[in-house]
Amino acid sequence: MLNLHHAHLMASDIDETIEFWTEGFGAEVVFDREFAGARNVFMTVGSGHLHLYDQPPKNPGQSAVHHLGVQTDEIENVVERLRAMNISVTDVREQPDASYAMAKGPDDLLIEIFQPDPEAVPDELRAYFGFD
């Protein structure tokens, strides 16, 4: 299984960004917590997903898009396939609730390949990650 899961956006003003997506596009917040040193907000926009990170883009004038997230249940195979294509990809990093690797796509687009652990996903996020 491979699924384009989310666009990860940097947000200079996360509350303004949340309001933009909820008021302008009917998005719903499904997760809003401190994670990896900053406030992270997961949202649904119809059947799509956004992850907001409470931090401005790293360089002035840089796009707010930090990376695209691709969910899989075969992370090792995906990483091997990308390496066979001579794509720059990190080793798989194991976390308590998911494994992930980062790859550099065309035009330096950062791609997160991640495999959530179905047993570790909180009940309120099971549907968000396709486990219901």
C-alpha atoms as a PDB file:
ATOM      1  CA  MET A   1       0.000   0.000   0.000  1.00  0.00           C
ATOM      2  CA  LEU A   2       1.197   3.472  -0.908  1.00  0.00           C
ATOM      3  CA  ASN A   3      -0.899   6.559  -0.300  1.00  0.00           C
ATOM      4  CA  LEU A   4      -0.122  10.263  -0.742  1.00  0.00           C
ATOM      5  CA  HIS A   5      -1.196  11.114   2.782  1.00  0.00           C
ATOM      6  CA  HIS A   6      -0.488  14.786   3.543  1.00  0.00           C
ATOM      7  CA  ALA A   7       1.163  18.070   2.680  1.00  0.00           C
ATOM      8  CA  HIS A   8       3.240  19.401   5.583  1.00  0.00           C
ATOM      9  CA  LEU A   9       3.116  23.202   5.789  1.00  0.00           C
ATOM     10  CA  MET A  10       5.234  25.552   7.867  1.00  0.00           C
ATOM     11  CA  ALA A  11       3.139  28.256   9.543  1.00  0.00           C
ATOM     12  CA  SER A  12       4.424  31.669  10.662  1.00  0.00           C
ATOM     13  CA  ASP A  13       1.115  32.182  12.495  1.00  0.00           C
ATOM     14  CA  ILE A  14      -0.431  28.774  13.070  1.00  0.00           C
ATOM     15  CA  ASP A  15      -3.730  30.129  14.421  1.00  0.00           C
ATOM     16  CA  GLU A  16      -4.176  32.311  11.330  1.00  0.00           C
ATOM     17  CA  THR A  17      -3.346  29.295   9.136  1.00  0.00           C
ATOM     18  CA  ILE A  18      -5.882  27.124  10.981  1.00  0.00           C
ATOM     19  CA  GLU A  19      -8.538  29.822  10.562  1.00  0.00           C
ATOM     20  CA  PHE A  20      -7.715  30.146   6.844  1.00  0.00           C
ATOM     21  CA  TRP A  21      -8.243  26.420   6.241  1.00  0.00           C
ATOM     22  CA  THR A  22     -11.243  25.951   8.563  1.00  0.00           C
ATOM     23  CA  GLU A  23     -13.159  29.087   7.580  1.00  0.00           C
ATOM     24  CA  GLY A  24     -12.146  29.191   3.932  1.00  0.00           C
ATOM     25  CA  PHE A  25     -12.226  25.487   3.060  1.00  0.00           C
ATOM     26  CA  GLY A  26     -14.237  23.765   5.801  1.00  0.00           C
ATOM     27  CA  ALA A  27     -11.184  21.921   7.168  1.00  0.00           C
ATOM     28  CA  GLU A  28     -11.429  20.117  10.496  1.00  0.00           C
ATOM     29  CA  VAL A  29      -8.712  19.881  13.159  1.00  0.00           C
ATOM     30  CA  VAL A  30      -8.165  16.252  14.209  1.00  0.00           C
ATOM     31  CA  PHE A  31      -4.920  16.658  16.225  1.00  0.00           C
ATOM     32  CA  ASP A  32      -3.440  19.703  17.957  1.00  0.00           C
ATOM     33  CA  ARG A  33      -0.517  18.966  20.253  1.00  0.00           C
ATOM     34  CA  GLU A  34       3.130  19.642  20.988  1.00  0.00           C
ATOM     35  CA  PHE A  35       5.279  17.166  19.035  1.00  0.00           C
ATOM     36  CA  ALA A  36       8.970  17.225  18.088  1.00  0.00           C
ATOM     37  CA  GLY A  37       9.510  20.582  19.793  1.00  0.00           C
ATOM     38  CA  ALA A  38       6.641  22.547  18.265  1.00  0.00           C
ATOM     39  CA  ARG A  39       2.881  22.674  17.990  1.00  0.00           C
ATOM     40  CA  ASN A  40       1.653  20.293  15.297  1.00  0.00           C
ATOM     41  CA  VAL A  41      -1.868  20.405  13.894  1.00  0.00           C
ATOM     42  CA  PHE A  42      -3.326  17.661  11.675  1.00  0.00           C
ATOM     43  CA  MET A  43      -6.332  18.684   9.598  1.00  0.00           C
ATOM     44  CA  THR A  44      -8.674  17.080   7.123  1.00  0.00           C
ATOM     45  CA  VAL A  45      -9.793  19.024   4.061  1.00  0.00           C
ATOM     46  CA  GLY A  46     -12.441  16.823   2.495  1.00  0.00           C
ATOM     47  CA  SER A  47     -10.637  13.511   2.013  1.00  0.00           C
ATOM     48  CA  GLY A  48      -7.194  15.205   2.024  1.00  0.00           C
ATOM     49  CA  HIS A  49      -4.827  15.907   4.916  1.00  0.00           C
ATOM     50  CA  LEU A  50      -2.653  18.808   6.016  1.00  0.00           C
ATOM     51  CA  HIS A  51      -0.027  18.821   8.746  1.00  0.00           C
ATOM     52  CA  LEU A  52       0.807  22.277  10.081  1.00  0.00           C
ATOM     53  CA  TYR A  53       4.030  22.961  11.947  1.00  0.00           C
ATOM     54  CA  ASP A  54       4.193  26.057  14.169  1.00  0.00           C
ATOM     55  CA  GLN A  55       7.338  27.486  12.642  1.00  0.00           C
ATOM     56  CA  PRO A  56       7.895  29.884   9.739  1.00  0.00           C
ATOM     57  CA  PRO A  57       9.578  28.690   6.545  1.00  0.00           C
ATOM     58  CA  LYS A  58      13.327  28.442   7.117  1.00  0.00           C
ATOM     59  CA  ASN A  59      14.319  30.987   4.435  1.00  0.00           C
ATOM     60  CA  PRO A  60      12.542  34.282   3.647  1.00  0.00           C
ATOM     61  CA  GLY A  61      10.421  33.910   0.538  1.00  0.00           C
ATOM     62  CA  GLN A  62      10.557  30.110   0.752  1.00  0.00           C
ATOM     63  CA  SER A  63       7.391  28.143   0.096  1.00  0.00           C
ATOM     64  CA  ALA A  64       5.379  27.103   3.138  1.00  0.00           C
ATOM     65  CA  VAL A  65       5.399  23.514   1.832  1.00  0.00           C
ATOM     66  CA  HIS A  66       7.957  21.614   3.896  1.00  0.00           C
ATOM     67  CA  HIS A  67       7.317  18.115   2.543  1.00  0.00           C
ATOM     68  CA  LEU A  68       4.766  15.685   1.163  1.00  0.00           C
ATOM     69  CA  GLY A  69       3.992  12.626   3.298  1.00  0.00           C
ATOM     70  CA  VAL A  70       3.574   9.224   1.673  1.00  0.00           C
ATOM     71  CA  GLN A  71       2.135   6.503   3.905  1.00  0.00           C
ATOM     72  CA  THR A  72       3.081   2.890   3.268  1.00  0.00           C
ATOM     73  CA  ASP A  73       3.020  -0.521   4.877  1.00  0.00           C
ATOM     74  CA  GLU A  74       6.220  -1.545   3.065  1.00  0.00           C
ATOM     75  CA  ILE A  75       8.737   1.155   3.995  1.00  0.00           C
ATOM     76  CA  GLU A  76      11.871  -0.958   3.492  1.00  0.00           C
ATOM     77  CA  ASN A  77      10.791  -1.888  -0.061  1.00  0.00           C
ATOM     78  CA  VAL A  78      10.052   1.732  -0.959  1.00  0.00           C
ATOM     79  CA  VAL A  79      13.420   2.906   0.382  1.00  0.00           C
ATOM     80  CA  GLU A  80      15.230   0.138  -1.539  1.00  0.00           C
ATOM     81  CA  ARG A  81      13.354   1.021  -4.752  1.00  0.00           C
ATOM     82  CA  LEU A  82      14.289   4.716  -4.421  1.00  0.00           C
ATOM     83  CA  ARG A  83      17.931   3.871  -3.733  1.00  0.00           C
ATOM     84  CA  ALA A  84      17.971   1.652  -6.835  1.00  0.00           C
ATOM     85  CA  MET A  85      16.912   4.785  -8.745  1.00  0.00           C
ATOM     86  CA  ASN A  86      19.884   6.680  -7.197  1.00  0.00           C
ATOM     87  CA  ILE A  87      17.504   8.872  -5.181  1.00  0.00           C
ATOM     88  CA  SER A  88      18.920  10.397  -1.994  1.00  0.00           C
ATOM     89  CA  VAL A  89      17.016   8.805   0.902  1.00  0.00           C
ATOM     90  CA  THR A  90      17.846   8.526   4.602  1.00  0.00           C
ATOM     91  CA  ASP A  91      17.989   5.302   6.530  1.00  0.00           C
ATOM     92  CA  VAL A  92      14.676   4.257   8.068  1.00  0.00           C
ATOM     93  CA  ARG A  93      14.299   5.863  11.488  1.00  0.00           C
ATOM     94  CA  GLU A  94      12.350   3.920  14.095  1.00  0.00           C
ATOM     95  CA  GLN A  95      10.090   5.815  16.490  1.00  0.00           C
ATOM     96  CA  PRO A  96       7.728   4.345  19.116  1.00  0.00           C
ATOM     97  CA  ASP A  97       4.655   4.943  16.923  1.00  0.00           C
ATOM     98  CA  ALA A  98       6.028   4.953  13.359  1.00  0.00           C
ATOM     99  CA  SER A  99       9.022   4.427  11.108  1.00  0.00           C
ATOM    100  CA  TYR A 100      10.034   7.013   8.539  1.00  0.00           C
ATOM    101  CA  ALA A 101      12.643   7.988   5.980  1.00  0.00           C
ATOM    102  CA  MET A 102      13.137  11.204   4.050  1.00  0.00           C
ATOM    103  CA  ALA A 103      13.842  11.324   0.307  1.00  0.00           C
ATOM    104  CA  LYS A 104      14.774  14.172  -2.006  1.00  0.00           C
ATOM    105  CA  GLY A 105      12.558  14.330  -5.080  1.00  0.00           C
ATOM    106  CA  PRO A 106      12.861  16.403  -8.262  1.00  0.00           C
ATOM    107  CA  ASP A 107      13.413  20.126  -7.683  1.00  0.00           C
ATOM    108  CA  ASP A 108      14.556  19.295  -4.119  1.00  0.00           C
ATOM    109  CA  LEU A 109      11.022  18.380  -3.015  1.00  0.00           C
ATOM    110  CA  LEU A 110      11.292  16.669   0.365  1.00  0.00           C
ATOM    111  CA  ILE A 111       9.246  13.469   0.648  1.00  0.00           C
ATOM    112  CA  GLU A 112       8.522  11.767   3.972  1.00  0.00           C
ATOM    113  CA  ILE A 113       7.899   8.023   3.604  1.00  0.00           C
ATOM    114  CA  PHE A 114       6.256   6.799   6.791  1.00  0.00           C
ATOM    115  CA  GLN A 115       4.767   3.615   8.192  1.00  0.00           C
ATOM    116  CA  PRO A 116       2.626   4.087  11.298  1.00  0.00           C
ATOM    117  CA  ASP A 117       2.416   1.236  13.792  1.00  0.00           C
ATOM    118  CA  PRO A 118      -1.306   0.329  13.810  1.00  0.00           C
ATOM    119  CA  GLU A 119      -1.033  -0.785  17.441  1.00  0.00           C
ATOM    120  CA  ALA A 120       0.408   2.581  18.557  1.00  0.00           C
ATOM    121  CA  VAL A 121      -1.961   4.948  16.736  1.00  0.00           C
ATOM    122  CA  PRO A 122      -4.329   6.629  19.240  1.00  0.00           C
ATOM    123  CA  ASP A 123      -8.021   5.831  18.774  1.00  0.00           C
ATOM    124  CA  GLU A 124      -8.838   9.412  17.722  1.00  0.00           C
ATOM    125  CA  LEU A 125      -6.345   9.165  14.818  1.00  0.00           C
ATOM    126  CA  ARG A 126      -7.062   5.628  13.561  1.00  0.00           C
ATOM    127  CA  ALA A 127      -9.395   6.790  10.769  1.00  0.00           C
ATOM    128  CA  TYR A 128      -6.985   9.609   9.855  1.00  0.00           C
ATOM    129  CA  PHE A 129      -4.314   6.998   9.113  1.00  0.00           C
ATOM    130  CA  GLY A 130      -6.735   4.581   7.448  1.00  0.00           C
ATOM    131  CA  PHE A 131      -6.904   1.981  10.236  1.00  0.00           C
ATOM    132  CA  ASP A 132     -10.704   1.951  10.656  1.00  0.00           C
END
